[in-house]
Amino acid sequence: MNPPLVITEKQAFQSQLLSWYDLNQRALPWRGERDAYRVWLSEIMLQQTRVAAVIAYYQKFLQRFPTLQALASARLSSVLAAWSGLGYYRRARMLHQAAREIVKQHSGQFPKTAGELADLPGIGRYTAAAVASIAFDEPKAVVDGNVERILNRLSGSLLTTMDSWNFAEALLFHDRPGDFNQAMMELGATVCLPRDPNCLGCPIRAFCNSRSRLKVVRLKPRRRKRTLSYALCRSSKGVLLVRRPGTSTLMPGMWELPELSSKPTLETAAFLFQVRHSITLTDYVVSVFEGNHPGPSGKHFTPAQIARLPLTGLAKKILSRAAVI
């Protein structure tokens, strides 16, 4: 790795990056927050999820659970219901578990250091550093995918994970660690893009050793394609839903429509519509049929009741398409 910027360059780097950030940062609902609960919630939601998708969920989640104590005292099913559709439900389970641990073991007070935060369920090195720096001004650098890309291009080489963290720490502006970390992430998300970076609009281009020439070639894993069929069984009692077993490795305890083992024929069930759905590396084409026959064991719910259930993302998509919710 190239050595970190010398002190005079480092100061200029920090100044130019933060000046750009102060003028160009996106208006996001969690931007400028110093409340640790809200910072933590935004960071967990943003993991593996687009910013545009998170905004509405973040605001609705806070309406339902405005404080750490409200989240900790809630039932897991209520938390999963509020998270429904955002995906990667383990995040919600860990969020709930960590909230309870903070209330029980820390008297409801958020730990203020990255080291203490990293001991909580679902919080890794990146999230711990992000929350500690943004909420408590602890001088801890962060490295996510956006920051890693910037560091690689600054150095002109592909860095190891350890080198990336060391380089980030060397560049960190200790007087405004939270803003500096957010500035780095913002730059990677809006300017130093994976493809076609806007080098002419980059505030730190003078310090870059690659100017977009550094190409990171990562082979994308091959996506699988599958077809599924579900029954939409409606009656005066509502819509029939079944609950995934608590022992399931995928979305345990969440509610979904009854799956059909084979696609019905037109003689046995009326075809309603198809939806497309993706989970990690699998793309699904899902056919939905009118369930006129008795379904498997389950329970009927009215639309009002469904709104309070922890639904799988696919169930939510089907019921929305069917105008049930």
Protein backbone atom coordinates (compact mmCIF):
# COMPACT_ATOMS: atom_id res chain seq x y z
CA MET A 1 0.00 0.00 0.00
CA ASN A 2 1.16 3.55 -0.68
CA PRO A 3 1.96 5.40 2.55
CA PRO A 4 -0.81 7.56 4.03
CA LEU A 5 -0.89 11.18 2.91
CA VAL A 6 1.69 13.37 4.61
CA ILE A 7 0.33 15.73 7.24
CA THR A 8 0.01 18.83 5.02
CA GLU A 9 -1.78 16.88 2.31
CA LYS A 10 -3.89 15.10 4.90
CA GLN A 11 -5.15 18.42 6.29
CA ALA A 12 -6.00 19.66 2.81
CA PHE A 13 -7.72 16.35 2.04
CA GLN A 14 -9.85 16.57 5.17
CA SER A 15 -10.72 20.21 4.58
CA GLN A 16 -11.77 19.75 0.96
CA LEU A 17 -13.78 16.62 1.68
CA LEU A 18 -15.68 18.17 4.60
CA SER A 19 -16.31 21.45 2.73
CA TRP A 20 -17.82 19.44 -0.12
CA TYR A 21 -19.92 17.39 2.30
CA ASP A 22 -21.25 20.46 4.11
CA LEU A 23 -22.53 21.84 0.81
CA ASN A 24 -23.59 18.67 -1.01
CA GLN A 25 -24.83 16.11 1.50
CA ARG A 26 -28.20 14.56 0.68
CA ALA A 27 -31.19 15.50 2.81
CA LEU A 28 -31.87 12.19 4.54
CA PRO A 29 -34.12 11.79 7.60
CA TRP A 30 -31.28 10.47 9.76
CA ARG A 31 -28.72 13.01 8.54
CA GLY A 32 -27.63 15.30 11.36
CA GLU A 33 -28.98 12.93 14.03
CA ARG A 34 -26.98 12.59 17.23
CA ASP A 35 -29.45 10.33 19.03
CA ALA A 36 -27.68 6.97 19.22
CA TYR A 37 -30.91 4.98 18.83
CA ARG A 38 -31.80 6.71 15.57
CA VAL A 39 -28.26 6.54 14.23
CA TRP A 40 -28.08 2.83 15.04
CA LEU A 41 -31.47 2.13 13.47
CA SER A 42 -30.49 3.87 10.22
CA GLU A 43 -27.20 2.00 10.02
CA ILE A 44 -28.85 -1.38 10.54
CA MET A 45 -31.56 -0.64 7.97
CA LEU A 46 -29.00 0.55 5.41
CA GLN A 47 -27.12 -2.75 5.49
CA GLN A 48 -27.61 -4.42 2.09
CA THR A 49 -30.54 -2.11 1.32
CA ARG A 50 -30.88 0.90 -0.98
CA VAL A 51 -31.23 4.32 0.65
CA ALA A 52 -34.46 5.04 -1.23
CA ALA A 53 -36.06 1.88 0.18
CA VAL A 54 -34.95 2.63 3.73
CA ILE A 55 -36.34 6.17 4.03
CA ALA A 56 -40.03 5.21 4.32
CA TYR A 57 -39.31 2.24 6.59
CA TYR A 58 -37.11 4.32 8.87
CA GLN A 59 -39.81 6.94 9.40
CA LYS A 60 -42.62 4.42 9.92
CA PHE A 61 -40.50 2.32 12.28
CA LEU A 62 -39.80 5.37 14.45
CA GLN A 63 -43.47 6.23 14.56
CA ARG A 64 -44.17 2.78 15.96
CA PHE A 65 -41.06 2.50 18.16
CA PRO A 66 -39.93 6.09 18.87
CA THR A 67 -37.46 5.15 21.60
CA LEU A 68 -35.09 2.37 22.51
CA GLN A 69 -37.35 1.51 25.44
CA ALA A 70 -40.38 1.22 23.17
CA LEU A 71 -38.49 -1.18 20.91
CA ALA A 72 -37.20 -3.25 23.82
CA SER A 73 -40.67 -3.65 25.36
CA ALA A 74 -42.34 -4.58 22.06
CA ARG A 75 -43.10 -8.14 21.01
CA LEU A 76 -40.81 -9.59 18.38
CA SER A 77 -43.82 -10.21 16.12
CA SER A 78 -44.61 -6.47 16.20
CA VAL A 79 -41.03 -5.60 15.30
CA LEU A 80 -41.04 -8.07 12.42
CA ALA A 81 -44.37 -6.66 11.21
CA ALA A 82 -42.88 -3.16 11.08
CA TRP A 83 -39.85 -4.57 9.25
CA SER A 84 -41.93 -6.62 6.82
CA GLY A 85 -40.86 -6.01 3.23
CA LEU A 86 -37.42 -4.62 4.09
CA GLY A 87 -35.81 -8.06 3.91
CA TYR A 88 -32.89 -9.69 5.74
CA TYR A 89 -35.08 -10.22 8.81
CA ARG A 90 -32.21 -11.33 10.99
CA ARG A 91 -31.38 -7.61 11.27
CA ALA A 92 -34.75 -6.95 12.93
CA ARG A 93 -34.32 -9.86 15.33
CA MET A 94 -30.85 -8.70 16.35
CA LEU A 95 -32.08 -5.11 16.64
CA HIS A 96 -34.78 -6.21 19.06
CA GLN A 97 -32.38 -8.43 21.00
CA ALA A 98 -29.79 -5.67 21.29
CA ALA A 99 -32.41 -3.15 22.47
CA ARG A 100 -33.45 -5.50 25.26
CA GLU A 101 -29.84 -6.08 26.22
CA ILE A 102 -29.15 -2.33 26.43
CA VAL A 103 -32.20 -1.82 28.66
CA LYS A 104 -31.38 -4.80 30.87
CA GLN A 105 -27.61 -4.60 31.13
CA HIS A 106 -26.93 -0.89 30.52
CA SER A 107 -29.95 0.65 32.27
CA GLY A 108 -31.29 1.84 28.92
CA GLN A 109 -28.20 3.93 28.19
CA PHE A 110 -26.49 3.36 24.86
CA PRO A 111 -22.83 2.30 25.16
CA LYS A 112 -20.68 5.20 23.95
CA THR A 113 -17.62 3.42 22.59
CA ALA A 114 -17.17 1.26 19.54
CA GLY A 115 -15.68 -1.48 21.70
CA GLU A 116 -18.77 -1.69 23.91
CA LEU A 117 -21.16 -1.39 20.97
CA ALA A 118 -19.46 -4.28 19.17
CA ASP A 119 -20.42 -6.56 22.06
CA LEU A 120 -24.13 -6.12 21.28
CA PRO A 121 -26.02 -8.58 19.05
CA GLY A 122 -25.95 -7.73 15.35
CA ILE A 123 -23.34 -4.96 15.64
CA GLY A 124 -20.05 -5.51 13.83
CA ARG A 125 -16.94 -3.37 13.51
CA TYR A 126 -18.40 -1.03 10.89
CA THR A 127 -21.72 -0.37 12.67
CA ALA A 128 -20.00 0.08 16.03
CA ALA A 129 -17.60 2.65 14.60
CA ALA A 130 -20.38 4.46 12.70
CA VAL A 131 -22.63 4.82 15.76
CA ALA A 132 -19.77 5.74 18.11
CA SER A 133 -18.36 8.39 15.76
CA ILE A 134 -21.68 9.94 14.67
CA ALA A 135 -23.52 9.88 18.00
CA PHE A 136 -20.64 10.24 20.46
CA ASP A 137 -17.76 11.81 18.47
CA GLU A 138 -15.45 8.88 19.14
CA PRO A 139 -12.55 9.14 16.64
CA LYS A 140 -13.15 5.81 14.93
CA ALA A 141 -12.97 5.42 11.16
CA VAL A 142 -15.45 3.33 9.20
CA VAL A 143 -14.91 1.09 6.19
CA ASP A 144 -17.92 -0.02 4.17
CA GLY A 145 -18.08 -0.84 0.47
CA ASN A 146 -18.16 2.82 -0.55
CA VAL A 147 -15.24 3.81 1.66
CA GLU A 148 -13.21 0.79 0.60
CA ARG A 149 -13.60 1.78 -3.06
CA ILE A 150 -12.38 5.33 -2.33
CA LEU A 151 -9.38 4.04 -0.40
CA ASN A 152 -8.43 1.66 -3.20
CA ARG A 153 -8.57 4.47 -5.74
CA LEU A 154 -6.70 6.90 -3.48
CA SER A 155 -3.87 4.41 -3.01
CA GLY A 156 -3.93 3.18 -6.61
CA SER A 157 -3.99 -0.44 -5.50
CA LEU A 158 -6.35 -3.08 -4.18
CA LEU A 159 -5.98 -3.01 -0.40
CA THR A 160 -6.40 -5.82 2.04
CA THR A 161 -9.10 -5.45 4.67
CA MET A 162 -6.53 -4.62 7.33
CA ASP A 163 -4.82 -2.05 5.10
CA SER A 164 -8.18 -0.43 4.34
CA TRP A 165 -9.00 0.02 8.01
CA ASN A 166 -5.50 1.32 8.77
CA PHE A 167 -5.65 3.78 5.86
CA ALA A 168 -9.10 4.99 6.94
CA GLU A 169 -7.85 5.56 10.49
CA ALA A 170 -4.84 7.51 9.16
CA LEU A 171 -7.10 9.84 7.14
CA LEU A 172 -9.75 10.40 9.85
CA PHE A 173 -10.37 13.99 10.99
CA HIS A 174 -10.61 13.65 14.75
CA ASP A 175 -12.37 16.97 15.36
CA ARG A 176 -15.40 15.86 13.32
CA PRO A 177 -15.16 12.05 13.10
CA GLY A 178 -18.87 11.45 12.48
CA ASP A 179 -19.10 14.02 9.71
CA PHE A 180 -15.86 12.82 8.16
CA ASN A 181 -17.08 9.21 8.08
CA GLN A 182 -20.40 10.25 6.58
CA ALA A 183 -18.58 12.41 4.03
CA MET A 184 -16.51 9.44 2.89
CA MET A 185 -19.59 7.25 2.57
CA GLU A 186 -21.52 10.02 0.80
CA LEU A 187 -18.69 10.54 -1.67
CA GLY A 188 -18.64 6.84 -2.50
CA ALA A 189 -22.42 6.71 -2.88
CA THR A 190 -22.80 9.77 -5.10
CA VAL A 191 -19.46 10.57 -6.81
CA CYS A 192 -16.84 7.80 -6.55
CA LEU A 193 -19.18 5.24 -8.06
CA PRO A 194 -18.24 1.65 -8.89
CA ARG A 195 -18.77 2.32 -12.58
CA ASP A 196 -18.28 5.67 -14.31
CA PRO A 197 -17.11 7.67 -11.28
CA ASN A 198 -17.56 11.43 -11.59
CA CYS A 199 -13.88 12.25 -11.29
CA LEU A 200 -14.32 15.82 -12.55
CA GLY A 201 -16.83 16.48 -9.77
CA CYS A 202 -14.74 14.85 -7.04
CA PRO A 203 -13.51 17.22 -4.30
CA ILE A 204 -10.46 15.06 -3.56
CA ARG A 205 -9.40 14.19 -7.11
CA ALA A 206 -6.04 15.92 -6.57
CA PHE A 207 -5.14 13.22 -4.04
CA CYS A 208 -6.29 10.25 -6.13
CA ASN A 209 -3.72 7.85 -7.57
CA SER A 210 -6.04 6.16 -10.05
CA ARG A 211 -8.61 8.68 -11.40
CA SER A 212 -11.04 5.82 -12.16
CA ARG A 213 -8.38 3.71 -13.89
CA LEU A 214 -8.35 1.15 -11.07
CA LYS A 215 -10.80 -1.57 -11.97
CA VAL A 216 -12.03 -4.00 -9.37
CA VAL A 217 -13.15 -7.15 -11.12
CA ARG A 218 -15.46 -9.25 -9.01
CA LEU A 219 -17.24 -12.12 -10.62
CA LYS A 220 -20.92 -12.04 -9.79
CA PRO A 221 -22.28 -15.38 -8.62
CA ARG A 222 -24.71 -16.94 -11.03
CA ARG A 223 -28.31 -16.26 -10.12
CA ARG A 224 -30.74 -19.14 -9.89
CA LYS A 225 -34.24 -19.08 -11.34
CA ARG A 226 -37.23 -20.84 -9.77
CA THR A 227 -40.99 -20.93 -10.15
CA LEU A 228 -43.45 -21.05 -7.26
CA SER A 229 -47.23 -21.21 -6.92
CA TYR A 230 -49.38 -19.86 -4.09
CA ALA A 231 -53.07 -19.95 -3.27
CA LEU A 232 -55.03 -16.84 -2.43
CA CYS A 233 -57.89 -18.25 -0.34
CA ARG A 234 -60.48 -15.59 0.47
CA SER A 235 -63.68 -15.96 2.48
CA SER A 236 -65.98 -13.89 4.64
CA LYS A 237 -63.47 -14.44 7.46
CA GLY A 238 -60.63 -12.89 5.48
CA VAL A 239 -57.55 -14.29 3.75
CA LEU A 240 -56.00 -17.61 4.71
CA LEU A 241 -52.39 -17.35 5.86
CA VAL A 242 -50.00 -19.94 7.25
CA ARG A 243 -47.12 -19.39 9.64
CA ARG A 244 -43.59 -20.51 8.90
CA PRO A 245 -42.22 -22.91 11.54
CA GLY A 246 -40.20 -21.37 14.33
CA THR A 247 -37.41 -23.80 13.46
CA SER A 248 -37.21 -22.60 9.85
CA THR A 249 -33.81 -21.27 8.82
CA LEU A 250 -35.47 -18.65 6.62
CA MET A 251 -37.90 -16.11 8.11
CA PRO A 252 -39.06 -18.26 11.06
CA GLY A 253 -42.42 -17.39 12.56
CA MET A 254 -43.50 -15.11 9.72
CA TRP A 255 -46.82 -15.37 7.87
CA GLU A 256 -47.30 -16.19 4.21
CA LEU A 257 -49.85 -17.54 1.76
CA PRO A 258 -50.17 -21.32 1.45
CA GLU A 259 -47.72 -22.63 -1.12
CA LEU A 260 -48.97 -25.09 -3.73
CA SER A 261 -46.81 -28.15 -4.29
CA SER A 262 -47.58 -28.07 -8.01
CA LYS A 263 -49.08 -25.53 -10.37
CA PRO A 264 -52.84 -26.11 -10.61
CA THR A 265 -54.55 -26.60 -13.94
CA LEU A 266 -57.17 -24.20 -15.20
CA GLU A 267 -59.76 -26.83 -14.40
CA THR A 268 -58.90 -26.93 -10.72
CA ALA A 269 -58.11 -23.30 -9.89
CA ALA A 270 -58.36 -19.91 -11.55
CA PHE A 271 -55.07 -18.19 -12.33
CA LEU A 272 -54.97 -14.65 -10.93
CA PHE A 273 -51.58 -13.08 -11.70
CA GLN A 274 -47.82 -13.47 -11.54
CA VAL A 275 -45.25 -11.52 -9.55
CA ARG A 276 -41.49 -11.57 -9.60
CA HIS A 277 -39.49 -11.75 -6.42
CA SER A 278 -35.80 -12.05 -5.57
CA ILE A 279 -34.11 -13.39 -2.45
CA THR A 280 -30.31 -13.21 -2.32
CA LEU A 281 -29.16 -15.18 -5.39
CA THR A 282 -32.51 -16.59 -6.51
CA ASP A 283 -35.06 -14.97 -8.82
CA TYR A 284 -38.60 -16.31 -8.52
CA VAL A 285 -41.52 -16.20 -10.91
CA VAL A 286 -44.55 -16.64 -8.65
CA SER A 287 -47.97 -17.67 -9.93
CA VAL A 288 -50.97 -16.91 -7.74
CA PHE A 289 -54.22 -18.90 -8.03
CA GLU A 290 -57.63 -18.41 -6.53
CA GLY A 291 -57.90 -20.87 -3.66
CA ASN A 292 -61.42 -22.23 -3.94
CA HIS A 293 -60.49 -25.50 -2.30
CA PRO A 294 -59.80 -25.98 1.43
CA GLY A 295 -56.30 -24.78 2.18
CA PRO A 296 -53.75 -26.25 4.57
CA SER A 297 -53.87 -25.56 8.26
CA GLY A 298 -53.72 -21.85 8.85
CA LYS A 299 -55.81 -18.92 9.96
CA HIS A 300 -58.01 -16.36 8.26
CA PHE A 301 -57.18 -12.68 8.79
CA THR A 302 -58.97 -9.49 7.86
CA PRO A 303 -57.00 -6.74 6.08
CA ALA A 304 -56.79 -4.76 9.33
CA GLN A 305 -55.35 -7.78 11.14
CA ILE A 306 -52.93 -8.52 8.30
CA ALA A 307 -51.49 -5.01 8.62
CA ARG A 308 -50.22 -5.94 12.09
CA LEU A 309 -48.70 -9.29 11.11
CA PRO A 310 -45.04 -10.03 10.35
CA LEU A 311 -45.45 -10.94 6.68
CA THR A 312 -42.78 -12.30 4.40
CA GLY A 313 -41.80 -9.87 1.67
CA LEU A 314 -43.34 -12.12 -0.97
CA ALA A 315 -46.64 -12.37 0.91
CA LYS A 316 -46.75 -8.60 1.25
CA LYS A 317 -46.12 -8.23 -2.49
CA ILE A 318 -48.87 -10.71 -3.41
CA LEU A 319 -51.43 -9.23 -1.03
CA SER A 320 -50.65 -5.72 -2.28
CA ARG A 321 -51.05 -6.83 -5.88
CA ALA A 322 -54.37 -8.47 -4.95
CA ALA A 323 -55.49 -5.20 -3.30
CA VAL A 324 -55.95 -6.95 0.05
CA ILE A 325 -53.58 -4.52 1.75
